């Protein structure tokens, strides 16, 4: 029996060792699989972080480029606006120069003229030319003939009593013409108003 027992023990030992080896063999792939999964997740996370960092840098560069582009646009717009303001009246002044030339010729001619009629006619032509230039650039005289006094367009410098009640509050005389530029009053007409 003791021989049987020891034989059984010997048989049991290899069986136990085989079971332990199998168990270790089974556990090792699982541990390796878990480790591999952790490594894979870490690699995926690292790749994702690298991708997001790269994307962030790309977006940051694009943002800085757009900011610089906008700043350049703003500066260019301000420069153009300043240039426009500086030279806004250029076309009007260019139009006035021929009228100045006409006035100079008229003054020379009037010094040698014995008859006033041709000088007066020349002055009328120059005046008409100037009025056309002003109208072309949006400047118009404010009409005051037989109109009601309007504080938005007229400046009363005097009042006179009127015999006719219908003339009260109306403009009797214009001392100095008023002008508008594109319907905005740039100089009020100085008028005498009936009271």
N, C-alpha and C. Protein backbone atom coordinates (compact mmCIF):
# COMPACT_ATOMS: atom_id res chain seq x y z
N UNK A 1 0.79 -1.17 0.00
CA UNK A 1 0.00 0.00 0.00
C UNK A 1 0.84 1.24 0.00
N UNK A 2 1.87 1.15 0.73
CA UNK A 2 2.73 2.31 0.76
C UNK A 2 3.35 2.53 -0.61
N UNK A 3 3.56 1.43 -1.32
CA UNK A 3 4.08 1.59 -2.66
C UNK A 3 3.03 2.23 -3.55
N UNK A 4 1.79 1.82 -3.36
CA UNK A 4 0.69 2.41 -4.11
C UNK A 4 0.54 3.90 -3.80
N UNK A 5 0.66 4.16 -2.50
CA UNK A 5 0.51 5.55 -2.05
C UNK A 5 1.59 6.40 -2.68
N UNK A 6 2.79 5.92 -2.60
CA UNK A 6 3.88 6.73 -3.13
C UNK A 6 3.77 6.80 -4.66
N UNK A 7 3.26 5.77 -5.27
CA UNK A 7 3.06 5.79 -6.70
C UNK A 7 1.99 6.82 -7.05
N UNK A 8 0.95 6.84 -6.25
CA UNK A 8 -0.12 7.82 -6.45
C UNK A 8 0.41 9.24 -6.27
N UNK A 9 1.26 9.40 -5.23
CA UNK A 9 1.84 10.73 -4.98
C UNK A 9 2.68 11.16 -6.18
N UNK A 10 3.41 10.26 -6.70
CA UNK A 10 4.26 10.57 -7.85
C UNK A 10 3.39 10.92 -9.04
N UNK A 11 2.30 10.19 -9.19
CA UNK A 11 1.40 10.47 -10.30
C UNK A 11 0.67 11.78 -10.07
N UNK A 12 0.34 12.04 -8.82
CA UNK A 12 -0.37 13.28 -8.52
C UNK A 12 0.52 14.49 -8.75
N UNK A 13 1.77 14.37 -8.39
CA UNK A 13 2.67 15.51 -8.54
C UNK A 13 2.76 15.97 -9.99
N UNK A 14 2.98 15.06 -10.93
CA UNK A 14 3.04 15.54 -12.30
C UNK A 14 1.69 16.11 -12.74
N UNK A 15 0.62 15.57 -12.26
CA UNK A 15 -0.70 16.07 -12.63
C UNK A 15 -0.88 17.47 -12.07
N UNK A 16 -0.45 17.66 -10.82
CA UNK A 16 -0.57 19.00 -10.22
C UNK A 16 0.34 19.98 -10.96
N UNK A 17 1.53 19.53 -11.29
CA UNK A 17 2.44 20.42 -12.01
C UNK A 17 1.89 20.75 -13.39
N UNK A 18 1.30 19.81 -14.02
CA UNK A 18 0.72 20.03 -15.34
C UNK A 18 -0.44 21.01 -15.23
N UNK A 19 -1.26 20.86 -14.20
CA UNK A 19 -2.40 21.75 -13.99
C UNK A 19 -1.91 23.17 -13.73
N UNK A 20 -0.84 23.28 -12.90
CA UNK A 20 -0.30 24.61 -12.61
C UNK A 20 0.28 25.24 -13.88
N UNK A 21 0.96 24.46 -14.67
CA UNK A 21 1.57 24.97 -15.89
C UNK A 21 0.49 25.42 -16.86
N UNK A 22 -0.57 24.61 -16.94
CA UNK A 22 -1.67 24.98 -17.82
C UNK A 22 -2.34 26.27 -17.34
N UNK A 23 -2.52 26.35 -16.00
CA UNK A 23 -3.15 27.54 -15.43
C UNK A 23 -2.29 28.76 -15.71
N UNK A 24 -0.98 28.62 -15.54
CA UNK A 24 -0.07 29.74 -15.80
C UNK A 24 -0.09 30.09 -17.28
N UNK A 25 -0.14 29.09 -18.10
CA UNK A 25 -0.17 29.31 -19.54
C UNK A 25 -1.44 30.05 -19.94
N UNK A 26 -2.56 29.68 -19.27
CA UNK A 26 -3.82 30.34 -19.56
C UNK A 26 -3.82 31.77 -19.03
N UNK A 27 -3.25 32.00 -17.84
CA UNK A 27 -3.22 33.33 -17.24
C UNK A 27 -2.28 34.26 -18.01
N UNK A 28 -1.19 33.77 -18.47
CA UNK A 28 -0.18 34.59 -19.14
C UNK A 28 -0.73 35.26 -20.40
N UNK A 29 -1.44 34.53 -21.27
CA UNK A 29 -1.98 35.23 -22.45
C UNK A 29 -2.99 36.30 -22.04
N UNK A 30 -3.79 36.02 -20.98
CA UNK A 30 -4.76 37.02 -20.54
C UNK A 30 -4.04 38.26 -20.05
N UNK A 31 -2.97 38.05 -19.24
CA UNK A 31 -2.22 39.19 -18.73
C UNK A 31 -1.57 39.94 -19.89
N UNK A 32 -1.04 39.17 -20.83
CA UNK A 32 -0.43 39.81 -21.99
C UNK A 32 -1.49 40.56 -22.78
N UNK A 33 -2.67 40.00 -22.94
CA UNK A 33 -3.75 40.64 -23.68
C UNK A 33 -4.17 41.93 -22.99
N UNK A 34 -4.31 41.89 -21.66
CA UNK A 34 -4.67 43.10 -20.92
C UNK A 34 -3.56 44.15 -21.06
N UNK A 35 -2.33 43.74 -20.95
CA UNK A 35 -1.20 44.66 -21.12
C UNK A 35 -1.15 45.23 -22.52
N UNK A 36 -1.41 44.35 -23.49
CA UNK A 36 -1.42 44.81 -24.88
C UNK A 36 -2.55 45.80 -25.11
N UNK A 37 -3.71 45.52 -24.49
CA UNK A 37 -4.85 46.44 -24.62
C UNK A 37 -4.50 47.80 -24.02
N UNK A 38 -3.89 47.79 -22.84
CA UNK A 38 -3.48 49.05 -22.20
C UNK A 38 -2.48 49.80 -23.08
N UNK A 39 -1.52 49.06 -23.64
CA UNK A 39 -0.54 49.69 -24.52
C UNK A 39 -1.22 50.26 -25.76
N UNK A 40 -2.16 49.50 -26.32
CA UNK A 40 -2.88 49.95 -27.51
C UNK A 40 -3.69 51.20 -27.20
N UNK A 41 -4.38 51.19 -26.05
CA UNK A 41 -5.16 52.37 -25.65
C UNK A 41 -4.25 53.57 -25.45
N UNK A 42 -3.11 53.35 -24.82
CA UNK A 42 -2.16 54.44 -24.60
C UNK A 42 -1.63 54.97 -25.92
N UNK A 43 -1.35 54.05 -26.85
CA UNK A 43 -0.87 54.47 -28.17
C UNK A 43 -1.96 55.26 -28.90
N UNK A 44 -3.22 54.76 -28.81
CA UNK A 44 -4.35 55.46 -29.43
C UNK A 44 -4.51 56.85 -28.82
N UNK A 45 -4.44 56.93 -27.49
CA UNK A 45 -4.56 58.22 -26.80
C UNK A 45 -3.43 59.16 -27.22
N UNK A 46 -2.23 58.62 -27.28
CA UNK A 46 -1.08 59.44 -27.68
C UNK A 46 -1.25 59.93 -29.12
N UNK A 47 -1.74 59.04 -29.99
CA UNK A 47 -1.96 59.41 -31.38
C UNK A 47 -3.05 60.48 -31.48
N UNK A 48 -4.12 60.30 -30.69
CA UNK A 48 -5.21 61.27 -30.67
C UNK A 48 -4.72 62.63 -30.16
N UNK A 49 -3.93 62.61 -29.10
CA UNK A 49 -3.38 63.85 -28.54
C UNK A 49 -2.48 64.53 -29.56
N UNK A 50 -1.65 63.74 -30.23
CA UNK A 50 -0.76 64.30 -31.25
C UNK A 50 -1.57 64.91 -32.39
N UNK A 51 -2.62 64.21 -32.80
CA UNK A 51 -3.48 64.70 -33.88
C UNK A 51 -4.18 65.99 -33.47
N UNK A 52 -4.73 66.00 -32.25
CA UNK A 52 -5.42 67.20 -31.76
C UNK A 52 -4.45 68.37 -31.59
N UNK A 53 -3.25 68.08 -31.12
CA UNK A 53 -2.23 69.13 -30.96
C UNK A 53 -1.87 69.71 -32.32
N UNK A 54 -1.70 68.83 -33.30
CA UNK A 54 -1.39 69.27 -34.65
C UNK A 54 -2.53 70.12 -35.22
N UNK A 55 -3.76 69.66 -34.99
CA UNK A 55 -4.93 70.40 -35.47
C UNK A 55 -5.02 71.76 -34.77
N UNK A 56 -4.74 71.80 -33.47
CA UNK A 56 -4.77 73.04 -32.71
C UNK A 56 -3.73 74.02 -33.25
N UNK A 57 -2.54 73.53 -33.52
CA UNK A 57 -1.49 74.39 -34.07
C UNK A 57 -1.90 74.94 -35.44
N UNK A 58 -2.51 74.07 -36.25
CA UNK A 58 -2.97 74.49 -37.57
C UNK A 58 -4.04 75.58 -37.44
N UNK A 59 -5.00 75.37 -36.54
CA UNK A 59 -6.07 76.35 -36.30
C UNK A 59 -5.50 77.65 -35.76
N UNK A 60 -4.51 77.53 -34.87
CA UNK A 60 -3.89 78.73 -34.28
C UNK A 60 -3.19 79.55 -35.37
N UNK A 61 -2.46 78.86 -36.27
CA UNK A 61 -1.78 79.56 -37.36
C UNK A 61 -2.79 80.24 -38.27
N UNK A 62 -3.89 79.53 -38.58
CA UNK A 62 -4.93 80.09 -39.43
C UNK A 62 -5.57 81.31 -38.77
N UNK A 63 -5.81 81.22 -37.47
CA UNK A 63 -6.39 82.33 -36.71
C UNK A 63 -5.46 83.54 -36.75
N UNK A 64 -4.18 83.32 -36.51
CA UNK A 64 -3.21 84.42 -36.52
C UNK A 64 -3.11 85.04 -37.92
N UNK A 65 -3.17 84.20 -38.95
CA UNK A 65 -3.15 84.70 -40.32
C UNK A 65 -4.36 85.58 -40.59
N UNK A 66 -5.54 85.11 -40.17
CA UNK A 66 -6.77 85.89 -40.39
C UNK A 66 -6.74 87.19 -39.60
N UNK A 67 -6.21 87.15 -38.39
CA UNK A 67 -6.11 88.37 -37.58
C UNK A 67 -5.18 89.38 -38.26
N UNK A 68 -4.07 88.91 -38.77
CA UNK A 68 -3.13 89.79 -39.47
C UNK A 68 -3.77 90.34 -40.75
N UNK A 69 -4.49 89.49 -41.45
CA UNK A 69 -5.17 89.91 -42.67
C UNK A 69 -6.22 90.98 -42.36
N UNK A 70 -6.99 90.77 -41.29
CA UNK A 70 -8.00 91.75 -40.89
C UNK A 70 -7.35 93.06 -40.47
N UNK A 71 -6.26 92.98 -39.73
CA UNK A 71 -5.56 94.19 -39.30
C UNK A 71 -5.04 94.96 -40.51
N UNK A 72 -4.50 94.25 -41.49
CA UNK A 72 -4.05 94.91 -42.73
C UNK A 72 -5.21 95.55 -43.47
N UNK A 73 -6.36 94.84 -43.52
CA UNK A 73 -7.56 95.38 -44.16
C UNK A 73 -8.01 96.66 -43.46
N UNK A 74 -8.02 96.64 -42.13
CA UNK A 74 -8.44 97.81 -41.35
C UNK A 74 -7.51 98.99 -41.61
N UNK A 75 -6.21 98.73 -41.60
CA UNK A 75 -5.24 99.81 -41.86
C UNK A 75 -5.39 100.36 -43.28
N UNK A 76 -5.59 99.45 -44.25
CA UNK A 76 -5.74 99.87 -45.64
C UNK A 76 -7.01 100.71 -45.80
N UNK A 77 -8.09 100.29 -45.14
CA UNK A 77 -9.35 101.03 -45.21
C UNK A 77 -9.20 102.41 -44.59
N UNK A 78 -8.54 102.49 -43.45
CA UNK A 78 -8.33 103.79 -42.81
C UNK A 78 -7.46 104.69 -43.69
N UNK A 79 -6.44 104.14 -44.31
CA UNK A 79 -5.56 104.91 -45.18
C UNK A 79 -6.34 105.42 -46.40
N UNK A 80 -7.17 104.53 -46.99
CA UNK A 80 -7.97 104.93 -48.15
C UNK A 80 -8.98 106.01 -47.78
N UNK A 81 -9.58 105.86 -46.60
CA UNK A 81 -10.56 106.85 -46.14
C UNK A 81 -9.89 108.21 -45.92
N UNK A 82 -8.72 108.20 -45.29
CA UNK A 82 -7.98 109.45 -45.06
C UNK A 82 -7.60 110.09 -46.40
N UNK A 83 -7.19 109.28 -47.35
CA UNK A 83 -6.84 109.78 -48.68
C UNK A 83 -8.06 110.36 -49.38
N UNK A 84 -9.20 109.70 -49.24
CA UNK A 84 -10.44 110.18 -49.85
C UNK A 84 -10.85 111.52 -49.25
N UNK A 85 -10.77 111.63 -47.93
CA UNK A 85 -11.12 112.89 -47.26
C UNK A 85 -10.16 114.00 -47.70
N UNK A 86 -8.90 113.67 -47.77
CA UNK A 86 -7.88 114.65 -48.14
C UNK A 86 -8.12 115.19 -49.55
N UNK A 87 -8.53 114.31 -50.46
CA UNK A 87 -8.70 114.70 -51.86
C UNK A 87 -10.15 114.80 -52.30
N UNK A 88 -11.08 114.87 -51.36
CA UNK A 88 -12.51 114.86 -51.69
C UNK A 88 -12.91 116.03 -52.58
N UNK A 89 -12.36 117.18 -52.34
CA UNK A 89 -12.75 118.38 -53.08
C UNK A 89 -11.95 118.56 -54.37
N UNK A 90 -11.09 117.62 -54.68
CA UNK A 90 -10.21 117.76 -55.84
C UNK A 90 -10.99 118.02 -57.12
N UNK A 91 -12.03 117.24 -57.39
CA UNK A 91 -12.78 117.41 -58.64
C UNK A 91 -13.48 118.76 -58.67
N UNK A 92 -13.98 119.22 -57.52
CA UNK A 92 -14.64 120.54 -57.48
C UNK A 92 -13.64 121.64 -57.78
N UNK A 93 -12.45 121.55 -57.20
CA UNK A 93 -11.44 122.58 -57.43
C UNK A 93 -10.94 122.55 -58.87
N UNK A 94 -10.82 121.37 -59.43
CA UNK A 94 -10.42 121.26 -60.83
C UNK A 94 -11.45 121.95 -61.72
N UNK A 95 -12.73 121.82 -61.38
CA UNK A 95 -13.79 122.49 -62.13
C UNK A 95 -13.79 124.00 -61.95
N UNK A 96 -13.31 124.48 -60.81
CA UNK A 96 -13.30 125.92 -60.53
C UNK A 96 -12.15 126.62 -61.29
N UNK A 97 -11.08 125.91 -61.55
CA UNK A 97 -9.91 126.53 -62.19
C UNK A 97 -10.22 127.21 -63.52
N UNK A 98 -11.01 126.62 -64.44
CA UNK A 98 -11.34 127.34 -65.68
C UNK A 98 -12.14 128.62 -65.41
N UNK A 99 -12.94 128.61 -64.36
CA UNK A 99 -13.72 129.80 -64.02
C UNK A 99 -12.79 130.90 -63.53
N UNK A 100 -11.78 130.53 -62.74
CA UNK A 100 -10.78 131.50 -62.29
C UNK A 100 -10.06 132.09 -63.51
N UNK A 101 -9.72 131.22 -64.46
CA UNK A 101 -9.08 131.70 -65.70
C UNK A 101 -9.97 132.71 -66.43
N UNK A 102 -11.27 132.38 -66.53
CA UNK A 102 -12.22 133.30 -67.18
C UNK A 102 -12.30 134.63 -66.44
N UNK A 103 -12.30 134.58 -65.10
CA UNK A 103 -12.36 135.81 -64.31
C UNK A 103 -11.11 136.67 -64.57
N UNK A 104 -9.95 136.05 -64.63
CA UNK A 104 -8.71 136.79 -64.90
C UNK A 104 -8.76 137.46 -66.27
N UNK A 105 -9.24 136.72 -67.28
CA UNK A 105 -9.37 137.30 -68.63
C UNK A 105 -10.37 138.45 -68.62
N UNK A 106 -11.48 138.25 -67.88
CA UNK A 106 -12.50 139.30 -67.79
C UNK A 106 -11.97 140.55 -67.12
N UNK A 107 -11.18 140.38 -66.06
CA UNK A 107 -10.59 141.55 -65.38
C UNK A 107 -9.64 142.31 -66.31
N UNK A 108 -8.83 141.58 -67.07
CA UNK A 108 -7.92 142.23 -68.02
C UNK A 108 -8.71 142.98 -69.10
N UNK A 109 -9.76 142.34 -69.59
CA UNK A 109 -10.57 142.96 -70.64
C UNK A 109 -11.32 144.17 -70.11
N UNK A 110 -11.79 144.12 -68.86
CA UNK A 110 -12.55 145.24 -68.30
C UNK A 110 -11.67 146.46 -68.07
N UNK A 111 -10.38 146.25 -67.83
CA UNK A 111 -9.46 147.37 -67.63
C UNK A 111 -9.29 148.18 -68.92
N UNK A 112 -9.34 147.52 -70.05
CA UNK A 112 -9.16 148.19 -71.34
C UNK A 112 -10.49 148.57 -71.99
N UNK A 113 -11.61 148.09 -71.47
CA UNK A 113 -12.92 148.31 -72.10
C UNK A 113 -13.45 149.70 -71.79
N UNK A 114 -14.11 150.28 -72.80
CA UNK A 114 -14.76 151.58 -72.61
C UNK A 114 -16.25 151.41 -72.42
N UNK A 115 -16.77 150.29 -72.93
CA UNK A 115 -18.21 150.01 -72.81
C UNK A 115 -18.41 148.91 -71.76
N UNK A 116 -19.34 149.08 -70.85
CA UNK A 116 -19.58 148.13 -69.75
C UNK A 116 -20.42 146.93 -70.16
N UNK A 117 -21.17 147.03 -71.25
CA UNK A 117 -22.07 145.95 -71.67
C UNK A 117 -21.33 144.64 -71.95
N UNK A 118 -20.24 144.64 -72.71
CA UNK A 118 -19.53 143.37 -72.95
C UNK A 118 -18.92 142.79 -71.67
N UNK A 119 -18.47 143.66 -70.77
CA UNK A 119 -17.89 143.18 -69.51
C UNK A 119 -18.99 142.51 -68.67
N UNK A 120 -20.16 143.17 -68.63
CA UNK A 120 -21.29 142.62 -67.88
C UNK A 120 -21.70 141.27 -68.47
N UNK A 121 -21.74 141.18 -69.78
CA UNK A 121 -22.12 139.93 -70.45
C UNK A 121 -21.10 138.83 -70.13
N UNK A 122 -19.82 139.17 -70.15
CA UNK A 122 -18.77 138.20 -69.82
C UNK A 122 -18.88 137.72 -68.37
N UNK A 123 -19.16 138.66 -67.45
CA UNK A 123 -19.34 138.29 -66.03
C UNK A 123 -20.54 137.36 -65.86
N UNK A 124 -21.61 137.62 -66.61
CA UNK A 124 -22.81 136.77 -66.54
C UNK A 124 -22.49 135.36 -67.01
N UNK A 125 -21.71 135.24 -68.07
CA UNK A 125 -21.31 133.92 -68.57
C UNK A 125 -20.47 133.17 -67.53
N UNK A 126 -19.55 133.90 -66.91
CA UNK A 126 -18.70 133.28 -65.88
C UNK A 126 -19.55 132.83 -64.69
N UNK A 127 -20.50 133.69 -64.29
CA UNK A 127 -21.39 133.36 -63.17
C UNK A 127 -22.20 132.10 -63.49
N UNK A 128 -22.78 132.04 -64.68
CA UNK A 128 -23.58 130.86 -65.07
C UNK A 128 -22.72 129.60 -65.08
N UNK A 129 -21.49 129.73 -65.53
CA UNK A 129 -20.57 128.59 -65.56
C UNK A 129 -20.29 128.08 -64.13
N UNK A 130 -20.10 129.01 -63.20
CA UNK A 130 -19.84 128.65 -61.80
C UNK A 130 -21.07 127.98 -61.17
N UNK A 131 -22.25 128.52 -61.43
CA UNK A 131 -23.49 127.94 -60.88
C UNK A 131 -23.69 126.52 -61.41
N UNK A 132 -23.42 126.30 -62.69
CA UNK A 132 -23.55 124.94 -63.26
C UNK A 132 -22.58 123.97 -62.60
N UNK A 133 -21.35 124.44 -62.36
CA UNK A 133 -20.36 123.60 -61.69
C UNK A 133 -20.83 123.23 -60.28
N UNK A 134 -21.34 124.21 -59.55
CA UNK A 134 -21.83 123.95 -58.19
C UNK A 134 -22.98 122.94 -58.22
N UNK A 135 -23.93 123.13 -59.15
CA UNK A 135 -25.07 122.21 -59.25
C UNK A 135 -24.61 120.81 -59.62
N UNK A 136 -23.61 120.73 -60.48
CA UNK A 136 -23.07 119.43 -60.88
C UNK A 136 -22.49 118.69 -59.67
N UNK A 137 -21.96 119.43 -58.71
CA UNK A 137 -21.38 118.83 -57.50
C UNK A 137 -22.36 118.78 -56.34
N UNK A 138 -23.66 119.02 -56.60
CA UNK A 138 -24.69 118.86 -55.58
C UNK A 138 -24.99 120.10 -54.76
N UNK A 139 -24.39 121.26 -55.12
CA UNK A 139 -24.64 122.51 -54.39
C UNK A 139 -25.75 123.27 -55.10
N UNK A 140 -26.81 123.61 -54.34
CA UNK A 140 -27.94 124.35 -54.92
C UNK A 140 -28.30 125.50 -54.00
N UNK A 141 -28.78 126.59 -54.62
CA UNK A 141 -29.22 127.75 -53.84
C UNK A 141 -30.58 127.43 -53.21
N UNK A 142 -30.78 127.95 -52.00
CA UNK A 142 -32.07 127.77 -51.30
C UNK A 142 -33.04 128.81 -51.84
N UNK A 143 -34.18 128.35 -52.32
CA UNK A 143 -35.19 129.27 -52.86
C UNK A 143 -35.88 130.00 -51.71
N UNK A 144 -35.95 131.33 -51.83
CA UNK A 144 -36.56 132.13 -50.76
C UNK A 144 -37.72 132.97 -51.26
N UNK A 145 -37.95 133.02 -52.56
CA UNK A 145 -39.00 133.87 -53.13
C UNK A 145 -40.38 133.41 -52.69
N UNK A 146 -41.12 134.30 -52.03
CA UNK A 146 -42.50 134.05 -51.58
C UNK A 146 -42.65 132.75 -50.79
N UNK A 147 -41.73 132.48 -49.91
CA UNK A 147 -41.82 131.26 -49.09
C UNK A 147 -41.97 131.62 -47.62
N UNK A 148 -42.49 130.67 -46.87
CA UNK A 148 -42.60 130.84 -45.41
C UNK A 148 -41.21 130.75 -44.80
N UNK A 149 -41.02 131.48 -43.70
CA UNK A 149 -39.75 131.42 -42.98
C UNK A 149 -39.60 130.04 -42.35
N UNK A 150 -38.46 129.41 -42.55
CA UNK A 150 -38.17 128.07 -42.02
C UNK A 150 -36.82 128.12 -41.31
N UNK A 151 -36.83 127.89 -40.00
CA UNK A 151 -35.59 127.99 -39.21
C UNK A 151 -34.55 126.95 -39.64
N UNK A 152 -34.98 125.89 -40.29
CA UNK A 152 -34.04 124.86 -40.76
C UNK A 152 -33.23 125.35 -41.96
N UNK A 153 -33.80 126.28 -42.73
CA UNK A 153 -33.16 126.71 -43.98
C UNK A 153 -32.82 128.21 -44.02
N UNK A 154 -33.46 128.97 -43.15
CA UNK A 154 -33.29 130.43 -43.19
C UNK A 154 -32.81 130.97 -41.86
N UNK A 155 -32.14 132.13 -41.93
CA UNK A 155 -31.72 132.86 -40.73
C UNK A 155 -32.32 134.26 -40.83
N UNK A 156 -33.19 134.60 -39.89
CA UNK A 156 -33.83 135.92 -39.91
C UNK A 156 -32.86 136.95 -39.32
N UNK A 157 -32.47 137.91 -40.14
CA UNK A 157 -31.58 138.95 -39.62
C UNK A 157 -32.37 140.21 -39.25
N UNK A 158 -33.61 140.26 -39.70
CA UNK A 158 -34.45 141.42 -39.40
C UNK A 158 -35.91 141.06 -39.65
N UNK A 159 -36.80 141.81 -39.01
CA UNK A 159 -38.24 141.68 -39.28
C UNK A 159 -38.77 143.07 -39.62
N UNK A 160 -39.76 143.12 -40.48
CA UNK A 160 -40.38 144.39 -40.86
C UNK A 160 -41.89 144.23 -40.77
N UNK A 161 -42.57 145.29 -40.34
CA UNK A 161 -44.03 145.21 -40.31
C UNK A 161 -44.58 145.20 -41.74
N UNK A 162 -45.62 144.40 -41.95
CA UNK A 162 -46.23 144.30 -43.28
C UNK A 162 -47.71 144.65 -43.17
N UNK A 163 -48.22 145.38 -44.17
CA UNK A 163 -49.63 145.76 -44.13
C UNK A 163 -50.56 144.58 -44.42
N UNK A 164 -50.12 143.65 -45.22
CA UNK A 164 -50.96 142.52 -45.62
C UNK A 164 -50.77 141.36 -44.63
N UNK A 165 -51.85 140.88 -43.97
CA UNK A 165 -51.72 139.78 -43.01
C UNK A 165 -51.20 138.48 -43.64
N UNK A 166 -51.40 138.30 -44.93
CA UNK A 166 -50.90 137.09 -45.61
C UNK A 166 -49.38 137.08 -45.69
N UNK A 167 -48.73 138.22 -45.57
CA UNK A 167 -47.27 138.31 -45.67
C UNK A 167 -46.58 138.06 -44.33
N UNK A 168 -47.35 137.96 -43.25
CA UNK A 168 -46.75 137.71 -41.93
C UNK A 168 -46.12 136.31 -41.92
N UNK A 169 -44.87 136.26 -41.47
CA UNK A 169 -44.14 134.99 -41.40
C UNK A 169 -43.51 134.59 -42.71
N UNK A 170 -43.71 135.41 -43.75
CA UNK A 170 -43.10 135.11 -45.06
C UNK A 170 -41.83 135.93 -45.23
N UNK A 171 -41.00 135.46 -46.14
CA UNK A 171 -39.74 136.14 -46.43
C UNK A 171 -40.02 137.33 -47.36
N UNK A 172 -39.57 138.50 -46.92
CA UNK A 172 -39.77 139.72 -47.69
C UNK A 172 -38.57 139.98 -48.61
N UNK A 173 -37.36 139.79 -48.09
CA UNK A 173 -36.15 140.08 -48.85
C UNK A 173 -35.05 139.08 -48.46
N UNK A 174 -34.16 138.81 -49.40
CA UNK A 174 -33.01 137.95 -49.14
C UNK A 174 -31.75 138.80 -49.16
N UNK A 175 -31.05 138.82 -48.03
CA UNK A 175 -29.82 139.60 -47.92
C UNK A 175 -28.62 138.79 -48.45
N UNK A 176 -28.60 137.48 -48.14
CA UNK A 176 -27.52 136.61 -48.59
C UNK A 176 -28.12 135.24 -48.89
N UNK A 177 -27.80 134.72 -50.08
CA UNK A 177 -28.34 133.41 -50.47
C UNK A 177 -27.82 132.31 -49.56
N UNK A 178 -28.67 131.31 -49.36
CA UNK A 178 -28.26 130.11 -48.65
C UNK A 178 -28.04 128.99 -49.64
N UNK A 179 -27.29 127.95 -49.22
CA UNK A 179 -26.99 126.84 -50.13
C UNK A 179 -27.12 125.50 -49.41
N UNK A 180 -27.46 124.49 -50.21
CA UNK A 180 -27.49 123.11 -49.71
C UNK A 180 -26.49 122.30 -50.51
N UNK A 181 -25.95 121.30 -49.86
CA UNK A 181 -25.08 120.33 -50.53
C UNK A 181 -25.73 118.97 -50.37
N UNK A 182 -26.25 118.45 -51.48
CA UNK A 182 -26.99 117.17 -51.46
C UNK A 182 -28.09 117.21 -50.40
N UNK A 183 -28.88 118.26 -50.43
CA UNK A 183 -30.05 118.50 -49.56
C UNK A 183 -29.69 118.76 -48.10
N UNK A 184 -28.44 118.96 -47.78
CA UNK A 184 -28.03 119.34 -46.42
C UNK A 184 -27.64 120.82 -46.46
N UNK A 185 -28.21 121.59 -45.55
CA UNK A 185 -27.92 123.02 -45.54
C UNK A 185 -26.47 123.25 -45.13
N UNK A 186 -25.73 123.93 -46.02
CA UNK A 186 -24.33 124.26 -45.69
C UNK A 186 -24.19 125.74 -45.37
N UNK A 187 -25.16 126.54 -45.78
CA UNK A 187 -25.22 127.95 -45.37
C UNK A 187 -26.68 128.39 -45.39
N UNK A 188 -27.15 128.88 -44.25
CA UNK A 188 -28.53 129.36 -44.15
C UNK A 188 -28.69 130.65 -44.95
N UNK A 189 -29.86 130.81 -45.56
CA UNK A 189 -30.16 132.06 -46.27
C UNK A 189 -30.45 133.14 -45.24
N UNK A 190 -29.82 134.30 -45.38
CA UNK A 190 -30.07 135.42 -44.46
C UNK A 190 -31.20 136.25 -45.06
N UNK A 191 -32.30 136.33 -44.31
CA UNK A 191 -33.52 136.92 -44.86
C UNK A 191 -34.15 137.94 -43.92
N UNK A 192 -35.05 138.74 -44.53
CA UNK A 192 -35.88 139.68 -43.78
C UNK A 192 -37.28 139.09 -43.78
N UNK A 193 -37.89 139.01 -42.59
CA UNK A 193 -39.19 138.34 -42.45
C UNK A 193 -40.27 139.36 -42.13
N UNK A 194 -41.44 139.17 -42.72
CA UNK A 194 -42.59 140.05 -42.45
C UNK A 194 -43.21 139.73 -41.10
N UNK A 195 -43.64 140.85 -40.41
CA UNK A 195 -44.22 140.66 -39.07
C UNK A 195 -45.56 141.33 -38.98
